[in-house]
Amino acid sequence: MEILTVLGAVASVTASFLFYPQVWASYKAKKTDVLSWTMILLGMLNGVLWGVYGFLKSDPFILLTNVMIFIGASLLFLLKRKYG
């Protein structure tokens, strides 16, 4: 496997889980007052736009990575609404 492919795959995995540590911490603490609505909404928008781009380019790395980013940001959105 080419080194660039491996690097891209590792980058996709790490980016995919970008929001999940904060989701877990917010869920455990039942507090989201320090989270920015702007950050959450930009994360969701980023996931949608890059996801559409990945779909249109037929690039599974871009698509899957950004679907996971959108889901993570959406979970933060839900937690912020509940506990914020």
Protein backbone atom coordinates (compact mmCIF):
# COMPACT_ATOMS: atom_id res chain seq x y z
CA MET A 1 0.00 0.00 0.00
CA GLU A 2 1.32 3.42 -0.91
CA ILE A 3 2.41 5.67 1.95
CA LEU A 4 0.06 8.46 0.81
CA THR A 5 -2.90 6.08 0.97
CA VAL A 6 -1.95 5.04 4.49
CA LEU A 7 -1.47 8.66 5.52
CA GLY A 8 -4.85 9.59 4.03
CA ALA A 9 -6.57 6.70 5.80
CA VAL A 10 -5.05 7.60 9.17
CA ALA A 11 -5.98 11.26 8.67
CA SER A 12 -9.55 10.25 7.78
CA VAL A 13 -9.89 8.12 10.90
CA THR A 14 -8.56 10.82 13.21
CA ALA A 15 -10.73 13.51 11.60
CA SER A 16 -13.77 11.22 11.80
CA PHE A 17 -13.54 11.13 15.57
CA LEU A 18 -12.79 14.82 16.03
CA PHE A 19 -15.96 15.63 18.00
CA TYR A 20 -16.46 12.35 19.86
CA PRO A 21 -14.24 13.01 22.92
CA GLN A 22 -16.23 16.21 23.51
CA VAL A 23 -19.51 14.34 22.98
CA TRP A 24 -18.49 11.82 25.63
CA ALA A 25 -17.26 14.47 28.09
CA SER A 26 -20.43 16.54 27.63
CA TYR A 27 -22.65 13.51 28.07
CA LYS A 28 -20.87 12.42 31.25
CA ALA A 29 -20.79 15.91 32.78
CA LYS A 30 -24.31 16.84 31.61
CA LYS A 31 -22.85 20.30 30.90
CA THR A 32 -22.31 22.07 27.60
CA ASP A 33 -22.28 25.72 28.65
CA VAL A 34 -18.69 26.23 27.47
CA LEU A 35 -19.37 24.87 23.98
CA SER A 36 -19.85 27.40 21.23
CA TRP A 37 -22.97 27.18 19.07
CA THR A 38 -20.90 28.61 16.22
CA MET A 39 -18.35 25.78 16.48
CA ILE A 40 -21.09 23.15 16.53
CA LEU A 41 -22.98 24.63 13.58
CA LEU A 42 -19.80 25.13 11.56
CA GLY A 43 -18.86 21.51 12.25
CA MET A 44 -22.25 20.36 10.98
CA LEU A 45 -22.04 22.59 7.89
CA ASN A 46 -18.48 21.42 7.24
CA GLY A 47 -19.58 17.78 7.40
CA VAL A 48 -22.45 18.36 5.00
CA LEU A 49 -20.47 20.36 2.43
CA TRP A 50 -17.46 18.05 2.41
CA GLY A 51 -19.77 15.02 2.47
CA VAL A 52 -21.59 16.23 -0.64
CA TYR A 53 -18.25 16.96 -2.26
CA GLY A 54 -17.01 13.45 -1.46
CA PHE A 55 -20.23 11.95 -2.80
CA LEU A 56 -20.04 13.93 -6.05
CA LYS A 57 -16.35 13.02 -6.47
CA SER A 58 -17.09 9.37 -5.59
CA ASP A 59 -14.40 9.53 -2.90
CA PRO A 60 -15.28 7.19 -0.04
CA PHE A 61 -12.57 8.61 2.26
CA ILE A 62 -13.94 12.14 2.03
CA LEU A 63 -17.57 11.00 2.19
CA LEU A 64 -17.27 8.66 5.18
CA THR A 65 -14.98 10.99 7.12
CA ASN A 66 -17.41 13.86 6.82
CA VAL A 67 -20.49 11.79 7.54
CA MET A 68 -18.79 10.87 10.83
CA ILE A 69 -17.89 14.53 11.47
CA PHE A 70 -21.50 15.56 10.81
CA ILE A 71 -22.80 12.89 13.19
CA GLY A 72 -20.37 13.98 15.93
CA ALA A 73 -21.28 17.65 15.53
CA SER A 74 -24.98 16.72 15.47
CA LEU A 75 -24.60 14.82 18.73
CA LEU A 76 -23.01 17.91 20.27
CA PHE A 77 -25.91 19.96 18.91
CA LEU A 78 -28.40 17.67 20.65
CA LEU A 79 -26.42 17.69 23.89
CA LYS A 80 -26.10 21.48 23.79
CA ARG A 81 -29.86 21.81 23.35
CA LYS A 82 -30.49 19.43 26.23
CA TYR A 83 -27.85 20.58 28.73
CA GLY A 84 -26.75 24.01 27.42
